[in-house]
Amino acid sequence: MVEVTVYSRSNCHLCDVAMAQLEKLSEEFEFTIVKKLIDGDAELENKYGEGVPVILINGTPHDFFRVDPERFRAAMANI
């Protein structure tokens, strides 16, 4: 099963939009979404800071700030 990880912050509008886009794409592709909040985690806050959301597919960085549906579809087609 493909795992899509989203590094996010609380009250992050861009993160909410990215999650909604991924949920919509989950109707086309079979994958699980794991949302990880970086709030309060010094290591993750240092790594991702204000660059969230960060989207990984099977642990590999894919997108940040937003989900590009066509780019996501192309990545999923190659898995």
N, C-alpha and C. Protein backbone atom coordinates (compact mmCIF):
# COMPACT_ATOMS: atom_id res chain seq x y z
N MET A 1 0.84 -1.18 0.00
CA MET A 1 0.00 0.00 0.00
C MET A 1 0.89 1.24 0.00
N VAL A 2 0.53 2.19 -0.82
CA VAL A 2 1.26 3.45 -0.89
C VAL A 2 0.87 4.31 0.31
N GLU A 3 1.87 4.95 0.91
CA GLU A 3 1.62 5.84 2.04
C GLU A 3 2.00 7.26 1.65
N VAL A 4 1.06 8.17 1.81
CA VAL A 4 1.30 9.59 1.56
C VAL A 4 1.34 10.28 2.91
N THR A 5 2.47 10.87 3.24
CA THR A 5 2.65 11.56 4.51
C THR A 5 2.56 13.06 4.27
N VAL A 6 1.83 13.72 5.14
CA VAL A 6 1.69 15.17 5.06
C VAL A 6 2.21 15.76 6.37
N TYR A 7 3.30 16.50 6.30
CA TYR A 7 3.78 17.25 7.46
C TYR A 7 3.03 18.56 7.47
N SER A 8 2.43 18.87 8.61
CA SER A 8 1.48 19.97 8.70
C SER A 8 1.65 20.71 10.02
N ARG A 9 0.96 21.83 10.13
CA ARG A 9 0.88 22.60 11.37
C ARG A 9 -0.60 22.79 11.69
N SER A 10 -0.88 23.05 12.94
CA SER A 10 -2.25 23.38 13.34
C SER A 10 -2.64 24.72 12.72
N ASN A 11 -3.91 24.85 12.38
CA ASN A 11 -4.45 26.10 11.82
C ASN A 11 -3.71 26.56 10.57
N CYS A 12 -3.36 25.62 9.72
CA CYS A 12 -2.63 25.91 8.47
C CYS A 12 -3.61 25.76 7.31
N HIS A 13 -3.99 26.89 6.71
CA HIS A 13 -4.94 26.85 5.60
C HIS A 13 -4.40 26.05 4.42
N LEU A 14 -3.14 26.25 4.06
CA LEU A 14 -2.56 25.49 2.94
C LEU A 14 -2.57 23.99 3.23
N CYS A 15 -2.35 23.63 4.48
CA CYS A 15 -2.37 22.22 4.87
C CYS A 15 -3.77 21.64 4.70
N ASP A 16 -4.78 22.40 5.08
CA ASP A 16 -6.17 21.95 4.93
C ASP A 16 -6.51 21.75 3.46
N VAL A 17 -6.07 22.66 2.62
CA VAL A 17 -6.33 22.55 1.18
C VAL A 17 -5.62 21.32 0.61
N ALA A 18 -4.37 21.09 1.01
CA ALA A 18 -3.62 19.93 0.54
C ALA A 18 -4.29 18.63 0.97
N MET A 19 -4.75 18.57 2.22
CA MET A 19 -5.44 17.36 2.71
C MET A 19 -6.71 17.11 1.90
N ALA A 20 -7.47 18.16 1.62
CA ALA A 20 -8.70 18.01 0.85
C ALA A 20 -8.39 17.50 -0.56
N GLN A 21 -7.33 18.02 -1.15
CA GLN A 21 -6.94 17.58 -2.50
C GLN A 21 -6.52 16.11 -2.48
N LEU A 22 -5.77 15.72 -1.46
CA LEU A 22 -5.35 14.32 -1.35
C LEU A 22 -6.54 13.39 -1.12
N GLU A 23 -7.48 13.82 -0.31
CA GLU A 23 -8.68 13.02 -0.08
C GLU A 23 -9.46 12.83 -1.37
N LYS A 24 -9.51 13.87 -2.19
CA LYS A 24 -10.18 13.75 -3.48
C LYS A 24 -9.42 12.79 -4.39
N LEU A 25 -8.09 12.88 -4.39
CA LEU A 25 -7.28 11.99 -5.22
C LEU A 25 -7.34 10.54 -4.74
N SER A 26 -7.67 10.34 -3.48
CA SER A 26 -7.78 8.97 -2.96
C SER A 26 -8.97 8.23 -3.57
N GLU A 27 -9.86 8.95 -4.23
CA GLU A 27 -10.95 8.31 -4.96
C GLU A 27 -10.44 7.68 -6.25
N GLU A 28 -9.30 8.17 -6.76
CA GLU A 28 -8.71 7.65 -8.00
C GLU A 28 -7.63 6.61 -7.74
N PHE A 29 -6.91 6.77 -6.64
CA PHE A 29 -5.76 5.92 -6.34
C PHE A 29 -5.90 5.35 -4.93
N GLU A 30 -5.33 4.18 -4.74
CA GLU A 30 -5.37 3.55 -3.43
C GLU A 30 -4.11 3.92 -2.66
N PHE A 31 -4.28 4.71 -1.62
CA PHE A 31 -3.16 5.09 -0.75
C PHE A 31 -3.71 5.51 0.61
N THR A 32 -2.85 5.43 1.60
CA THR A 32 -3.22 5.91 2.93
C THR A 32 -2.58 7.27 3.15
N ILE A 33 -3.27 8.10 3.89
CA ILE A 33 -2.76 9.43 4.22
C ILE A 33 -2.40 9.45 5.70
N VAL A 34 -1.17 9.84 5.99
CA VAL A 34 -0.71 9.98 7.36
C VAL A 34 -0.38 11.45 7.57
N LYS A 35 -1.12 12.10 8.46
CA LYS A 35 -0.88 13.51 8.76
C LYS A 35 -0.04 13.61 10.02
N LYS A 36 1.08 14.31 9.92
CA LYS A 36 1.96 14.48 11.07
C LYS A 36 2.12 15.97 11.36
N LEU A 37 1.66 16.38 12.54
CA LEU A 37 1.80 17.76 12.95
C LEU A 37 3.23 18.00 13.44
N ILE A 38 3.82 19.09 12.98
CA ILE A 38 5.18 19.40 13.41
C ILE A 38 5.19 20.30 14.64
N ASP A 39 4.01 20.79 15.03
CA ASP A 39 3.90 21.67 16.19
C ASP A 39 4.52 21.02 17.43
N GLY A 40 5.42 21.75 18.07
CA GLY A 40 6.00 21.27 19.32
C GLY A 40 7.11 20.25 19.17
N ASP A 41 7.41 19.84 17.95
CA ASP A 41 8.50 18.89 17.71
C ASP A 41 9.67 19.70 17.15
N ALA A 42 10.65 19.99 18.00
CA ALA A 42 11.76 20.87 17.61
C ALA A 42 12.47 20.39 16.36
N GLU A 43 12.68 19.09 16.24
CA GLU A 43 13.39 18.55 15.07
C GLU A 43 12.59 18.79 13.79
N LEU A 44 11.28 18.47 13.82
CA LEU A 44 10.45 18.67 12.63
C LEU A 44 10.23 20.14 12.34
N GLU A 45 10.07 20.96 13.38
CA GLU A 45 9.92 22.40 13.15
C GLU A 45 11.17 22.98 12.51
N ASN A 46 12.33 22.51 12.94
CA ASN A 46 13.59 22.96 12.36
C ASN A 46 13.72 22.51 10.90
N LYS A 47 13.29 21.29 10.63
CA LYS A 47 13.41 20.72 9.29
C LYS A 47 12.43 21.36 8.30
N TYR A 48 11.16 21.53 8.73
CA TYR A 48 10.12 21.99 7.81
C TYR A 48 9.68 23.43 8.03
N GLY A 49 9.81 23.94 9.25
CA GLY A 49 9.49 25.33 9.54
C GLY A 49 8.17 25.79 8.95
N GLU A 50 8.25 26.88 8.21
CA GLU A 50 7.06 27.46 7.58
C GLU A 50 6.81 26.86 6.19
N GLY A 51 7.54 25.83 5.82
CA GLY A 51 7.43 25.24 4.48
C GLY A 51 6.34 24.20 4.35
N VAL A 52 5.44 24.14 5.31
CA VAL A 52 4.38 23.13 5.26
C VAL A 52 3.20 23.63 4.45
N PRO A 53 2.43 22.74 3.89
CA PRO A 53 2.56 21.30 4.02
C PRO A 53 3.67 20.75 3.15
N VAL A 54 4.26 19.68 3.64
CA VAL A 54 5.25 18.92 2.88
C VAL A 54 4.63 17.55 2.64
N ILE A 55 4.60 17.11 1.39
CA ILE A 55 3.97 15.86 1.03
C ILE A 55 5.04 14.87 0.59
N LEU A 56 5.02 13.69 1.19
CA LEU A 56 5.94 12.62 0.83
C LEU A 56 5.12 11.44 0.32
N ILE A 57 5.65 10.76 -0.68
CA ILE A 57 5.03 9.53 -1.16
C ILE A 57 6.00 8.41 -0.85
N ASN A 58 5.56 7.48 -0.03
CA ASN A 58 6.41 6.38 0.43
C ASN A 58 7.75 6.88 0.95
N GLY A 59 7.70 7.98 1.71
CA GLY A 59 8.89 8.52 2.35
C GLY A 59 9.76 9.40 1.48
N THR A 60 9.41 9.55 0.22
CA THR A 60 10.19 10.39 -0.70
C THR A 60 9.49 11.73 -0.87
N PRO A 61 10.21 12.85 -0.67
CA PRO A 61 9.59 14.17 -0.85
C PRO A 61 8.97 14.31 -2.24
N HIS A 62 7.76 14.84 -2.26
CA HIS A 62 7.04 14.98 -3.53
C HIS A 62 6.67 16.44 -3.81
N ASP A 63 5.99 17.08 -2.89
CA ASP A 63 5.54 18.46 -3.08
C ASP A 63 5.60 19.20 -1.76
N PHE A 64 5.54 20.53 -1.84
CA PHE A 64 5.40 21.35 -0.65
C PHE A 64 4.50 22.52 -0.98
N PHE A 65 3.87 23.06 0.02
CA PHE A 65 2.90 24.16 -0.07
C PHE A 65 1.57 23.78 -0.69
N ARG A 66 1.58 22.92 -1.71
CA ARG A 66 0.32 22.53 -2.36
C ARG A 66 0.49 21.18 -3.05
N VAL A 67 -0.62 20.58 -3.40
CA VAL A 67 -0.62 19.34 -4.16
C VAL A 67 -0.97 19.68 -5.59
N ASP A 68 -0.09 19.36 -6.51
CA ASP A 68 -0.36 19.51 -7.93
C ASP A 68 -0.99 18.19 -8.39
N PRO A 69 -2.29 18.19 -8.69
CA PRO A 69 -2.97 16.93 -9.03
C PRO A 69 -2.33 16.16 -10.19
N GLU A 70 -1.93 16.86 -11.24
CA GLU A 70 -1.33 16.16 -12.39
C GLU A 70 0.02 15.56 -12.03
N ARG A 71 0.81 16.29 -11.28
CA ARG A 71 2.11 15.77 -10.84
C ARG A 71 1.91 14.57 -9.91
N PHE A 72 0.90 14.64 -9.04
CA PHE A 72 0.60 13.54 -8.14
C PHE A 72 0.16 12.32 -8.93
N ARG A 73 -0.73 12.52 -9.90
CA ARG A 73 -1.19 11.40 -10.74
C ARG A 73 -0.02 10.74 -11.47
N ALA A 74 0.88 11.56 -12.00
CA ALA A 74 2.05 11.01 -12.70
C ALA A 74 2.94 10.20 -11.75
N ALA A 75 3.12 10.70 -10.54
CA ALA A 75 3.93 9.97 -9.56
C ALA A 75 3.27 8.66 -9.19
N MET A 76 1.97 8.67 -8.98
CA MET A 76 1.26 7.45 -8.61
C MET A 76 1.27 6.43 -9.76
N ALA A 77 1.25 6.90 -10.99
CA ALA A 77 1.27 5.99 -12.14
C ALA A 77 2.61 5.27 -12.25
N ASN A 78 3.65 5.83 -11.65
CA ASN A 78 4.99 5.24 -11.73
C ASN A 78 5.33 4.37 -10.52
N ILE A 79 4.37 4.17 -9.64
CA ILE A 79 4.64 3.35 -8.45
C ILE A 79 4.21 1.93 -8.72
